[in-house]
Amino acid sequence: MKLINIGFGNMILDKRIVALISPDSAPAKRAVAEAKENGRIIDCTSGRRTKSIIITDTDHVVLSALSSDAVASRINGQENDDLEG
């Protein structure tokens, strides 16, 4: 198990990640809204725009200001410090 930096010093265990999705689709927006209603949302954007959504095996929804590509490269072991934008 290793910790993945998802931006601004926030970390998530790589083994807990089920899906990494873009926030632009309607299903992603519904997932975020449902998680907010049920208290399962974790906002790690530090007030920035959400660029990726991480779904965990505990059904928590984690919002990140890093792009999906940047988070994916970190999961694969390639450090990428771009905040894009």
N, C-alpha and C. Protein backbone atom coordinates (compact mmCIF):
# COMPACT_ATOMS: atom_id res chain seq x y z
N MET A 1 0.84 -1.18 0.00
CA MET A 1 0.00 0.00 0.00
C MET A 1 0.88 1.24 0.00
N LYS A 2 0.45 2.23 -0.75
CA LYS A 2 1.18 3.49 -0.72
C LYS A 2 0.19 4.64 -0.75
N LEU A 3 0.62 5.77 -0.22
CA LEU A 3 -0.18 6.98 -0.21
C LEU A 3 0.04 7.75 -1.49
N ILE A 4 -1.03 8.22 -2.08
CA ILE A 4 -0.98 9.02 -3.30
C ILE A 4 -1.34 10.46 -2.95
N ASN A 5 -0.49 11.40 -3.33
CA ASN A 5 -0.76 12.82 -3.11
C ASN A 5 -1.78 13.26 -4.15
N ILE A 6 -2.93 13.74 -3.69
CA ILE A 6 -3.99 14.19 -4.61
C ILE A 6 -4.11 15.71 -4.62
N GLY A 7 -3.08 16.37 -4.13
CA GLY A 7 -3.03 17.82 -4.17
C GLY A 7 -3.12 18.48 -2.81
N PHE A 8 -2.34 19.54 -2.63
CA PHE A 8 -2.34 20.36 -1.44
C PHE A 8 -2.06 19.56 -0.17
N GLY A 9 -1.20 18.56 -0.28
CA GLY A 9 -0.81 17.76 0.88
C GLY A 9 -1.82 16.71 1.30
N ASN A 10 -2.86 16.53 0.52
CA ASN A 10 -3.87 15.52 0.83
C ASN A 10 -3.46 14.19 0.21
N MET A 11 -3.65 13.12 0.96
CA MET A 11 -3.23 11.79 0.51
C MET A 11 -4.39 10.80 0.56
N ILE A 12 -4.30 9.77 -0.28
CA ILE A 12 -5.27 8.69 -0.29
C ILE A 12 -4.52 7.39 -0.54
N LEU A 13 -4.98 6.32 0.09
CA LEU A 13 -4.35 5.02 -0.12
C LEU A 13 -4.69 4.50 -1.51
N ASP A 14 -3.69 4.04 -2.23
CA ASP A 14 -3.91 3.56 -3.60
C ASP A 14 -4.85 2.35 -3.64
N LYS A 15 -4.85 1.51 -2.63
CA LYS A 15 -5.68 0.31 -2.59
C LYS A 15 -7.16 0.62 -2.39
N ARG A 16 -7.48 1.81 -1.92
CA ARG A 16 -8.87 2.22 -1.66
C ARG A 16 -9.56 2.78 -2.91
N ILE A 17 -8.80 3.13 -3.93
CA ILE A 17 -9.36 3.76 -5.12
C ILE A 17 -10.05 2.73 -6.01
N VAL A 18 -11.33 2.98 -6.29
CA VAL A 18 -12.11 2.12 -7.17
C VAL A 18 -12.20 2.74 -8.56
N ALA A 19 -12.41 4.07 -8.60
CA ALA A 19 -12.57 4.75 -9.89
C ALA A 19 -12.01 6.16 -9.80
N LEU A 20 -11.53 6.63 -10.93
CA LEU A 20 -11.02 7.99 -11.09
C LEU A 20 -11.73 8.57 -12.29
N ILE A 21 -12.61 9.56 -12.06
CA ILE A 21 -13.46 10.05 -13.14
C ILE A 21 -13.37 11.57 -13.29
N SER A 22 -13.76 12.02 -14.46
CA SER A 22 -13.82 13.44 -14.76
C SER A 22 -15.12 14.01 -14.19
N PRO A 23 -15.10 15.23 -13.69
CA PRO A 23 -16.31 15.80 -13.07
C PRO A 23 -17.32 16.38 -14.06
N ASP A 24 -17.07 16.24 -15.35
CA ASP A 24 -17.91 16.90 -16.35
C ASP A 24 -19.19 16.16 -16.71
N SER A 25 -19.25 14.86 -16.49
CA SER A 25 -20.41 14.08 -16.91
C SER A 25 -21.56 14.20 -15.91
N ALA A 26 -22.76 13.96 -16.40
CA ALA A 26 -23.94 14.01 -15.54
C ALA A 26 -23.90 12.95 -14.44
N PRO A 27 -23.48 11.70 -14.74
CA PRO A 27 -23.39 10.71 -13.66
C PRO A 27 -22.40 11.11 -12.57
N ALA A 28 -21.31 11.76 -12.94
CA ALA A 28 -20.33 12.21 -11.95
C ALA A 28 -20.95 13.29 -11.06
N LYS A 29 -21.69 14.20 -11.67
CA LYS A 29 -22.34 15.26 -10.90
C LYS A 29 -23.39 14.68 -9.95
N ARG A 30 -24.12 13.65 -10.41
CA ARG A 30 -25.09 12.98 -9.55
C ARG A 30 -24.39 12.27 -8.38
N ALA A 31 -23.28 11.64 -8.65
CA ALA A 31 -22.52 10.95 -7.60
C ALA A 31 -22.07 11.93 -6.53
N VAL A 32 -21.60 13.10 -6.95
CA VAL A 32 -21.16 14.13 -6.00
C VAL A 32 -22.34 14.64 -5.19
N ALA A 33 -23.47 14.92 -5.85
CA ALA A 33 -24.65 15.42 -5.15
C ALA A 33 -25.16 14.40 -4.13
N GLU A 34 -25.19 13.14 -4.52
CA GLU A 34 -25.64 12.07 -3.62
C GLU A 34 -24.70 11.92 -2.43
N ALA A 35 -23.41 12.00 -2.69
CA ALA A 35 -22.43 11.89 -1.61
C ALA A 35 -22.55 13.05 -0.62
N LYS A 36 -22.84 14.26 -1.13
CA LYS A 36 -23.04 15.41 -0.25
C LYS A 36 -24.24 15.20 0.65
N GLU A 37 -25.34 14.68 0.08
CA GLU A 37 -26.55 14.43 0.86
C GLU A 37 -26.31 13.40 1.96
N ASN A 38 -25.49 12.40 1.68
CA ASN A 38 -25.27 11.30 2.61
C ASN A 38 -24.03 11.48 3.49
N GLY A 39 -23.34 12.60 3.35
CA GLY A 39 -22.17 12.86 4.18
C GLY A 39 -20.96 12.01 3.83
N ARG A 40 -20.85 11.62 2.56
CA ARG A 40 -19.73 10.78 2.12
C ARG A 40 -18.79 11.53 1.19
N ILE A 41 -18.85 12.86 1.19
CA ILE A 41 -18.00 13.67 0.31
C ILE A 41 -16.76 14.13 1.08
N ILE A 42 -15.62 14.10 0.43
CA ILE A 42 -14.39 14.62 1.00
C ILE A 42 -13.81 15.59 -0.03
N ASP A 43 -13.81 16.87 0.32
CA ASP A 43 -13.36 17.90 -0.61
C ASP A 43 -11.90 18.25 -0.34
N CYS A 44 -11.03 17.87 -1.25
CA CYS A 44 -9.58 18.11 -1.11
C CYS A 44 -9.10 19.15 -2.12
N THR A 45 -9.99 20.04 -2.56
CA THR A 45 -9.65 21.01 -3.59
C THR A 45 -9.07 22.31 -3.04
N SER A 46 -9.18 22.55 -1.76
CA SER A 46 -8.72 23.80 -1.14
C SER A 46 -9.32 25.02 -1.83
N GLY A 47 -10.57 24.92 -2.21
CA GLY A 47 -11.28 26.03 -2.83
C GLY A 47 -11.08 26.17 -4.33
N ARG A 48 -10.30 25.29 -4.92
CA ARG A 48 -10.06 25.33 -6.36
C ARG A 48 -11.16 24.57 -7.09
N ARG A 49 -11.13 24.66 -8.41
CA ARG A 49 -12.08 23.95 -9.24
C ARG A 49 -11.80 22.45 -9.20
N THR A 50 -12.84 21.64 -9.12
CA THR A 50 -12.69 20.18 -9.11
C THR A 50 -12.35 19.70 -10.52
N LYS A 51 -11.21 19.00 -10.64
CA LYS A 51 -10.77 18.49 -11.94
C LYS A 51 -10.81 16.97 -12.02
N SER A 52 -10.94 16.31 -10.86
CA SER A 52 -11.11 14.85 -10.86
C SER A 52 -11.89 14.42 -9.63
N ILE A 53 -12.57 13.30 -9.78
CA ILE A 53 -13.36 12.72 -8.70
C ILE A 53 -12.84 11.30 -8.48
N ILE A 54 -12.57 10.99 -7.24
CA ILE A 54 -12.07 9.67 -6.87
C ILE A 54 -13.16 8.97 -6.07
N ILE A 55 -13.54 7.78 -6.52
CA ILE A 55 -14.52 6.96 -5.80
C ILE A 55 -13.73 5.89 -5.05
N THR A 56 -14.02 5.72 -3.76
CA THR A 56 -13.30 4.74 -2.95
C THR A 56 -14.14 3.49 -2.71
N ASP A 57 -13.49 2.46 -2.19
CA ASP A 57 -14.19 1.21 -1.90
C ASP A 57 -15.16 1.33 -0.74
N THR A 58 -15.11 2.43 0.00
CA THR A 58 -16.05 2.67 1.09
C THR A 58 -17.19 3.58 0.65
N ASP A 59 -17.31 3.80 -0.66
CA ASP A 59 -18.33 4.66 -1.27
C ASP A 59 -18.17 6.14 -0.92
N HIS A 60 -17.00 6.54 -0.47
CA HIS A 60 -16.73 7.96 -0.29
C HIS A 60 -16.35 8.55 -1.65
N VAL A 61 -16.67 9.82 -1.82
CA VAL A 61 -16.36 10.54 -3.05
C VAL A 61 -15.37 11.64 -2.68
N VAL A 62 -14.18 11.57 -3.29
CA VAL A 62 -13.11 12.52 -2.99
C VAL A 62 -12.93 13.45 -4.18
N LEU A 63 -12.98 14.76 -3.91
CA LEU A 63 -12.80 15.76 -4.96
C LEU A 63 -11.36 16.26 -4.93
N SER A 64 -10.75 16.35 -6.11
CA SER A 64 -9.37 16.80 -6.21
C SER A 64 -9.24 17.91 -7.25
N ALA A 65 -8.31 18.84 -7.00
CA ALA A 65 -8.05 19.92 -7.95
C ALA A 65 -7.04 19.49 -9.01
N LEU A 66 -6.48 18.29 -8.88
CA LEU A 66 -5.57 17.76 -9.90
C LEU A 66 -6.38 17.09 -10.99
N SER A 67 -5.87 17.12 -12.20
CA SER A 67 -6.55 16.45 -13.31
C SER A 67 -6.50 14.94 -13.11
N SER A 68 -7.41 14.24 -13.77
CA SER A 68 -7.43 12.78 -13.70
C SER A 68 -6.11 12.20 -14.19
N ASP A 69 -5.54 12.80 -15.22
CA ASP A 69 -4.25 12.32 -15.75
C ASP A 69 -3.13 12.46 -14.72
N ALA A 70 -3.11 13.58 -14.00
CA ALA A 70 -2.07 13.80 -12.99
C ALA A 70 -2.21 12.80 -11.85
N VAL A 71 -3.44 12.57 -11.40
CA VAL A 71 -3.66 11.59 -10.33
C VAL A 71 -3.30 10.19 -10.81
N ALA A 72 -3.69 9.86 -12.03
CA ALA A 72 -3.38 8.53 -12.58
C ALA A 72 -1.87 8.32 -12.67
N SER A 73 -1.13 9.35 -13.08
CA SER A 73 0.32 9.20 -13.18
C SER A 73 0.94 9.01 -11.80
N ARG A 74 0.38 9.64 -10.79
CA ARG A 74 0.88 9.45 -9.43
C ARG A 74 0.57 8.05 -8.93
N ILE A 75 -0.58 7.53 -9.29
CA ILE A 75 -0.93 6.16 -8.91
C ILE A 75 0.04 5.19 -9.55
N ASN A 76 0.44 5.47 -10.78
CA ASN A 76 1.36 4.60 -11.52
C ASN A 76 2.83 4.84 -11.16
N GLY A 77 3.08 5.74 -10.21
CA GLY A 77 4.44 5.95 -9.73
C GLY A 77 5.21 7.05 -10.39
N GLN A 78 4.59 7.80 -11.27
CA GLN A 78 5.25 8.90 -11.95
C GLN A 78 4.78 10.20 -11.31
N GLU A 79 5.64 10.84 -10.52
CA GLU A 79 5.26 12.07 -9.83
C GLU A 79 5.01 13.18 -10.84
N ASN A 80 3.91 13.90 -10.67
CA ASN A 80 3.53 14.98 -11.57
C ASN A 80 2.98 16.11 -10.71
N ASP A 81 3.68 17.24 -10.64
CA ASP A 81 3.28 18.34 -9.76
C ASP A 81 2.41 19.38 -10.44
N ASP A 82 1.94 19.12 -11.65
CA ASP A 82 1.13 20.10 -12.37
C ASP A 82 -0.23 20.24 -11.73
N LEU A 83 -0.64 21.50 -11.49
CA LEU A 83 -1.99 21.79 -11.05
C LEU A 83 -2.83 22.24 -12.23
N GLU A 84 -2.28 22.28 -13.39
CA GLU A 84 -2.97 22.64 -14.63
C GLU A 84 -3.96 23.77 -14.44
N GLY A 85 -3.65 24.88 -14.98
CA GLY A 85 -4.60 25.96 -14.92
C GLY A 85 -4.18 27.00 -14.03
